Amino acid sequence: MLKFIPEDLFMSEYRLSDLLDMSIIQKLADSNFSASGLPMTITDPRDGTFLVKAGWPGICTYFHRVNPLSLEQCRISDKVINDHLDEGAYQYRCNNGLWHIAMPIIVAGRHLAT
């Protein structure tokens, strides 16, 4: 699961996907969703890329994230969440009416994912 990282690569340059095999993390997330019914994502804080996505509600995938007006509300909600991650875990009812719980994934003092 852990990848070899050259010693000369500074921690500030790492991304979570440099440290972990994301296909294994995806399988764990899928299994967690199957067992609990709780959807989850892991995103890269640099660009918002979804590294892992399991059980995401259809309303997000097939409506809110493809409709320009509601997508803008998603982006606003994502920013609100990101602005509070330095406080630790954060729960928030998004502008489209859905609840989100977000927590930073910190490695060696760096926020590598959410």
N, C-alpha and C. Protein backbone atom coordinates (compact mmCIF):
# COMPACT_ATOMS: atom_id res chain seq x y z
N MET A 1 0.82 -1.18 0.00
CA MET A 1 0.00 0.00 0.00
C MET A 1 0.87 1.25 0.00
N LEU A 2 1.93 1.28 0.76
CA LEU A 2 2.83 2.42 0.76
C LEU A 2 3.75 2.34 -0.44
N LYS A 3 4.04 3.49 -1.01
CA LYS A 3 4.94 3.55 -2.16
C LYS A 3 6.30 4.05 -1.71
N PHE A 4 7.33 3.64 -2.43
CA PHE A 4 8.68 4.14 -2.14
C PHE A 4 8.79 5.56 -2.66
N ILE A 5 9.23 6.48 -1.82
CA ILE A 5 9.43 7.88 -2.19
C ILE A 5 10.91 8.20 -2.03
N PRO A 6 11.56 8.73 -3.05
CA PRO A 6 12.98 9.10 -2.91
C PRO A 6 13.18 10.06 -1.75
N GLU A 7 14.26 9.86 -1.01
CA GLU A 7 14.53 10.68 0.17
C GLU A 7 14.73 12.15 -0.17
N ASP A 8 15.15 12.46 -1.39
CA ASP A 8 15.41 13.86 -1.72
C ASP A 8 14.14 14.64 -2.08
N LEU A 9 13.00 13.97 -2.13
CA LEU A 9 11.74 14.66 -2.40
C LEU A 9 11.22 15.24 -1.10
N PHE A 10 11.09 16.55 -1.05
CA PHE A 10 10.64 17.21 0.17
C PHE A 10 9.17 16.90 0.44
N MET A 11 8.80 16.86 1.72
CA MET A 11 7.42 16.57 2.10
C MET A 11 6.45 17.55 1.47
N SER A 12 6.86 18.78 1.26
CA SER A 12 5.95 19.78 0.69
C SER A 12 5.54 19.44 -0.74
N GLU A 13 6.26 18.54 -1.38
CA GLU A 13 5.94 18.17 -2.75
C GLU A 13 5.05 16.93 -2.83
N TYR A 14 4.86 16.24 -1.73
CA TYR A 14 4.06 15.02 -1.74
C TYR A 14 2.59 15.31 -1.93
N ARG A 15 1.94 14.40 -2.58
CA ARG A 15 0.48 14.32 -2.62
C ARG A 15 0.13 12.97 -2.01
N LEU A 16 -1.08 12.84 -1.50
CA LEU A 16 -1.49 11.57 -0.90
C LEU A 16 -1.31 10.42 -1.89
N SER A 17 -1.60 10.69 -3.15
CA SER A 17 -1.47 9.65 -4.17
C SER A 17 -0.02 9.27 -4.44
N ASP A 18 0.94 10.07 -3.98
CA ASP A 18 2.35 9.70 -4.05
C ASP A 18 2.71 8.71 -2.96
N LEU A 19 1.97 8.75 -1.86
CA LEU A 19 2.29 7.94 -0.69
C LEU A 19 1.52 6.64 -0.61
N LEU A 20 0.30 6.63 -1.14
CA LEU A 20 -0.57 5.46 -1.04
C LEU A 20 -1.04 5.02 -2.41
N ASP A 21 -1.28 3.72 -2.54
CA ASP A 21 -1.87 3.18 -3.76
C ASP A 21 -3.37 3.47 -3.69
N MET A 22 -3.84 4.43 -4.47
CA MET A 22 -5.22 4.87 -4.36
C MET A 22 -6.21 3.80 -4.81
N SER A 23 -5.79 2.84 -5.61
CA SER A 23 -6.71 1.76 -6.01
C SER A 23 -7.06 0.89 -4.80
N ILE A 24 -6.12 0.71 -3.90
CA ILE A 24 -6.39 -0.04 -2.67
C ILE A 24 -7.29 0.79 -1.75
N ILE A 25 -7.03 2.08 -1.65
CA ILE A 25 -7.87 2.96 -0.83
C ILE A 25 -9.29 2.98 -1.40
N GLN A 26 -9.43 2.97 -2.72
CA GLN A 26 -10.75 2.93 -3.35
C GLN A 26 -11.50 1.66 -2.95
N LYS A 27 -10.82 0.53 -2.96
CA LYS A 27 -11.45 -0.74 -2.55
C LYS A 27 -11.90 -0.68 -1.09
N LEU A 28 -11.07 -0.08 -0.23
CA LEU A 28 -11.46 0.07 1.18
C LEU A 28 -12.68 0.97 1.31
N ALA A 29 -12.72 2.05 0.56
CA ALA A 29 -13.86 2.97 0.60
C ALA A 29 -15.12 2.29 0.09
N ASP A 30 -15.01 1.52 -0.98
CA ASP A 30 -16.17 0.79 -1.51
C ASP A 30 -16.69 -0.22 -0.48
N SER A 31 -15.78 -0.93 0.18
CA SER A 31 -16.18 -1.89 1.21
C SER A 31 -16.83 -1.19 2.39
N ASN A 32 -16.28 -0.05 2.78
CA ASN A 32 -16.86 0.73 3.88
C ASN A 32 -18.28 1.18 3.52
N PHE A 33 -18.47 1.64 2.28
CA PHE A 33 -19.81 2.06 1.86
C PHE A 33 -20.77 0.87 1.85
N SER A 34 -20.31 -0.28 1.37
CA SER A 34 -21.16 -1.48 1.36
C SER A 34 -21.59 -1.88 2.76
N ALA A 35 -20.67 -1.75 3.72
CA ALA A 35 -20.96 -2.15 5.10
C ALA A 35 -21.79 -1.11 5.86
N SER A 36 -21.53 0.17 5.61
CA SER A 36 -22.16 1.21 6.44
C SER A 36 -23.23 2.03 5.73
N GLY A 37 -23.17 2.07 4.40
CA GLY A 37 -24.11 2.90 3.66
C GLY A 37 -23.74 4.38 3.64
N LEU A 38 -22.57 4.71 4.21
CA LEU A 38 -22.14 6.11 4.24
C LEU A 38 -21.24 6.41 3.04
N PRO A 39 -21.66 7.35 2.19
CA PRO A 39 -20.81 7.72 1.06
C PRO A 39 -19.60 8.49 1.53
N MET A 40 -18.55 8.47 0.73
CA MET A 40 -17.35 9.22 1.09
C MET A 40 -16.56 9.60 -0.15
N THR A 41 -15.78 10.64 0.00
CA THR A 41 -14.82 11.01 -1.03
C THR A 41 -13.52 11.37 -0.32
N ILE A 42 -12.44 11.26 -1.05
CA ILE A 42 -11.15 11.80 -0.61
C ILE A 42 -10.71 12.71 -1.74
N THR A 43 -10.45 13.97 -1.40
CA THR A 43 -10.08 14.95 -2.41
C THR A 43 -8.69 15.52 -2.14
N ASP A 44 -8.04 15.92 -3.22
CA ASP A 44 -6.74 16.57 -3.13
C ASP A 44 -6.98 18.06 -2.87
N PRO A 45 -6.42 18.61 -1.79
CA PRO A 45 -6.70 20.01 -1.47
C PRO A 45 -6.07 21.01 -2.44
N ARG A 46 -5.10 20.57 -3.23
CA ARG A 46 -4.47 21.50 -4.17
C ARG A 46 -5.42 21.91 -5.28
N ASP A 47 -6.15 20.92 -5.83
CA ASP A 47 -6.98 21.22 -6.99
C ASP A 47 -8.40 20.66 -6.90
N GLY A 48 -8.73 20.03 -5.77
CA GLY A 48 -10.08 19.49 -5.60
C GLY A 48 -10.34 18.19 -6.34
N THR A 49 -9.30 17.60 -6.92
CA THR A 49 -9.45 16.34 -7.64
C THR A 49 -9.96 15.26 -6.69
N PHE A 50 -10.94 14.48 -7.16
CA PHE A 50 -11.42 13.34 -6.38
C PHE A 50 -10.41 12.21 -6.52
N LEU A 51 -9.80 11.82 -5.42
CA LEU A 51 -8.86 10.70 -5.41
C LEU A 51 -9.61 9.39 -5.21
N VAL A 52 -10.68 9.45 -4.42
CA VAL A 52 -11.53 8.30 -4.11
C VAL A 52 -12.96 8.82 -4.03
N LYS A 53 -13.89 8.03 -4.56
CA LYS A 53 -15.31 8.39 -4.46
C LYS A 53 -16.10 7.10 -4.34
N ALA A 54 -16.84 6.95 -3.24
CA ALA A 54 -17.61 5.72 -3.01
C ALA A 54 -19.02 6.08 -2.55
N GLY A 55 -20.01 5.56 -3.26
CA GLY A 55 -21.39 5.71 -2.84
C GLY A 55 -21.95 7.11 -2.90
N TRP A 56 -21.35 7.93 -3.72
CA TRP A 56 -21.82 9.32 -3.79
C TRP A 56 -23.28 9.34 -4.20
N PRO A 57 -24.09 10.19 -3.56
CA PRO A 57 -25.53 10.23 -3.90
C PRO A 57 -25.75 10.62 -5.36
N GLY A 58 -26.70 9.95 -5.99
CA GLY A 58 -27.03 10.25 -7.38
C GLY A 58 -27.39 11.70 -7.60
N ILE A 59 -28.02 12.33 -6.60
CA ILE A 59 -28.41 13.73 -6.74
C ILE A 59 -27.18 14.61 -6.95
N CYS A 60 -26.06 14.25 -6.33
CA CYS A 60 -24.82 15.02 -6.55
C CYS A 60 -24.23 14.70 -7.91
N THR A 61 -24.08 13.43 -8.19
CA THR A 61 -23.41 12.99 -9.41
C THR A 61 -24.17 13.36 -10.68
N TYR A 62 -25.47 13.13 -10.67
CA TYR A 62 -26.24 13.27 -11.91
C TYR A 62 -27.05 14.55 -12.01
N PHE A 63 -27.08 15.35 -10.94
CA PHE A 63 -27.80 16.61 -11.03
C PHE A 63 -26.94 17.80 -10.60
N HIS A 64 -26.63 17.88 -9.31
CA HIS A 64 -25.95 19.08 -8.80
C HIS A 64 -24.61 19.35 -9.49
N ARG A 65 -23.83 18.31 -9.72
CA ARG A 65 -22.49 18.53 -10.30
C ARG A 65 -22.51 18.69 -11.82
N VAL A 66 -23.65 18.48 -12.47
CA VAL A 66 -23.73 18.68 -13.92
C VAL A 66 -24.59 19.89 -14.29
N ASN A 67 -25.38 20.40 -13.37
CA ASN A 67 -26.20 21.58 -13.61
C ASN A 67 -25.38 22.82 -13.24
N PRO A 68 -25.16 23.74 -14.17
CA PRO A 68 -24.28 24.89 -13.88
C PRO A 68 -24.68 25.70 -12.65
N LEU A 69 -25.97 25.91 -12.43
CA LEU A 69 -26.40 26.71 -11.28
C LEU A 69 -26.14 26.00 -9.96
N SER A 70 -26.49 24.72 -9.89
CA SER A 70 -26.27 24.01 -8.62
C SER A 70 -24.79 23.65 -8.44
N LEU A 71 -24.05 23.48 -9.55
CA LEU A 71 -22.60 23.25 -9.45
C LEU A 71 -21.93 24.44 -8.78
N GLU A 72 -22.37 25.64 -9.12
CA GLU A 72 -21.80 26.83 -8.48
C GLU A 72 -22.08 26.80 -6.98
N GLN A 73 -23.25 26.33 -6.57
CA GLN A 73 -23.57 26.19 -5.15
C GLN A 73 -22.65 25.15 -4.50
N CYS A 74 -22.35 24.07 -5.23
CA CYS A 74 -21.40 23.06 -4.73
C CYS A 74 -20.03 23.70 -4.50
N ARG A 75 -19.58 24.49 -5.44
CA ARG A 75 -18.27 25.13 -5.31
C ARG A 75 -18.22 26.08 -4.12
N ILE A 76 -19.31 26.83 -3.92
CA ILE A 76 -19.38 27.73 -2.76
C ILE A 76 -19.33 26.91 -1.47
N SER A 77 -20.09 25.83 -1.42
CA SER A 77 -20.10 24.97 -0.24
C SER A 77 -18.74 24.34 0.00
N ASP A 78 -18.08 23.89 -1.07
CA ASP A 78 -16.74 23.31 -0.93
C ASP A 78 -15.77 24.33 -0.33
N LYS A 79 -15.88 25.58 -0.76
CA LYS A 79 -15.00 26.62 -0.22
C LYS A 79 -15.28 26.86 1.26
N VAL A 80 -16.55 26.88 1.65
CA VAL A 80 -16.89 27.06 3.07
C VAL A 80 -16.26 25.95 3.89
N ILE A 81 -16.40 24.72 3.42
CA ILE A 81 -15.81 23.58 4.13
C ILE A 81 -14.30 23.73 4.21
N ASN A 82 -13.66 24.00 3.07
CA ASN A 82 -12.19 24.13 3.05
C ASN A 82 -11.70 25.24 3.96
N ASP A 83 -12.47 26.30 4.07
CA ASP A 83 -12.08 27.41 4.94
C ASP A 83 -12.11 27.05 6.42
N HIS A 84 -12.79 25.96 6.78
CA HIS A 84 -12.90 25.55 8.18
C HIS A 84 -12.06 24.33 8.54
N LEU A 85 -11.35 23.75 7.58
CA LEU A 85 -10.61 22.52 7.85
C LEU A 85 -9.44 22.70 8.81
N ASP A 86 -8.93 23.91 8.95
CA ASP A 86 -7.85 24.11 9.91
C ASP A 86 -8.33 23.95 11.34
N GLU A 87 -9.65 23.92 11.54
CA GLU A 87 -10.25 23.69 12.85
C GLU A 87 -10.39 22.19 13.15
N GLY A 88 -10.16 21.35 12.15
CA GLY A 88 -10.35 19.91 12.29
C GLY A 88 -11.60 19.48 11.54
N ALA A 89 -12.27 18.45 12.04
CA ALA A 89 -13.49 17.96 11.39
C ALA A 89 -14.54 19.06 11.38
N TYR A 90 -15.32 19.10 10.30
CA TYR A 90 -16.31 20.16 10.13
C TYR A 90 -17.55 19.58 9.48
N GLN A 91 -18.72 19.89 10.03
CA GLN A 91 -19.96 19.46 9.41
C GLN A 91 -20.70 20.68 8.88
N TYR A 92 -21.40 20.49 7.76
CA TYR A 92 -21.97 21.63 7.07
C TYR A 92 -23.13 21.16 6.20
N ARG A 93 -24.22 21.91 6.23
CA ARG A 93 -25.32 21.65 5.30
C ARG A 93 -25.05 22.49 4.06
N CYS A 94 -24.84 21.83 2.94
CA CYS A 94 -24.45 22.54 1.73
C CYS A 94 -25.60 23.40 1.20
N ASN A 95 -25.27 24.26 0.26
CA ASN A 95 -26.25 25.17 -0.32
C ASN A 95 -27.32 24.44 -1.13
N ASN A 96 -27.10 23.16 -1.42
CA ASN A 96 -28.11 22.35 -2.11
C ASN A 96 -28.90 21.49 -1.12
N GLY A 97 -28.67 21.68 0.19
CA GLY A 97 -29.47 21.04 1.22
C GLY A 97 -28.97 19.70 1.74
N LEU A 98 -27.78 19.28 1.34
CA LEU A 98 -27.23 18.00 1.78
C LEU A 98 -26.19 18.22 2.87
N TRP A 99 -26.08 17.26 3.78
CA TRP A 99 -25.10 17.36 4.87
C TRP A 99 -23.76 16.78 4.43
N HIS A 100 -22.70 17.45 4.84
CA HIS A 100 -21.32 17.01 4.58
C HIS A 100 -20.57 17.01 5.91
N ILE A 101 -19.73 16.03 6.08
CA ILE A 101 -18.78 16.01 7.19
C ILE A 101 -17.41 15.88 6.55
N ALA A 102 -16.54 16.81 6.86
CA ALA A 102 -15.20 16.81 6.24
C ALA A 102 -14.15 16.87 7.32
N MET A 103 -13.05 16.19 7.07
CA MET A 103 -11.91 16.26 7.98
C MET A 103 -10.63 16.19 7.17
N PRO A 104 -9.65 16.98 7.57
CA PRO A 104 -8.39 16.95 6.84
C PRO A 104 -7.60 15.68 7.14
N ILE A 105 -6.90 15.19 6.14
CA ILE A 105 -5.96 14.10 6.32
C ILE A 105 -4.58 14.75 6.36
N ILE A 106 -3.97 14.72 7.54
CA ILE A 106 -2.70 15.40 7.79
C ILE A 106 -1.58 14.37 7.86
N VAL A 107 -0.51 14.59 7.11
CA VAL A 107 0.66 13.73 7.14
C VAL A 107 1.88 14.63 7.34
N ALA A 108 2.64 14.35 8.39
CA ALA A 108 3.84 15.13 8.71
C ALA A 108 3.53 16.63 8.74
N GLY A 109 2.37 16.96 9.32
CA GLY A 109 1.99 18.35 9.48
C GLY A 109 1.43 19.03 8.24
N ARG A 110 1.26 18.28 7.16
CA ARG A 110 0.73 18.84 5.92
C ARG A 110 -0.63 18.27 5.59
N HIS A 111 -1.53 19.13 5.14
CA HIS A 111 -2.87 18.73 4.71
C HIS A 111 -2.75 18.12 3.31
N LEU A 112 -2.80 16.78 3.25
CA LEU A 112 -2.62 16.10 1.96
C LEU A 112 -3.92 15.70 1.30
N ALA A 113 -5.00 15.67 2.07
CA ALA A 113 -6.29 15.29 1.48
C ALA A 113 -7.40 15.64 2.47
N THR A 114 -8.62 15.59 1.96
CA THR A 114 -9.81 15.80 2.79
C THR A 114 -10.76 14.65 2.54
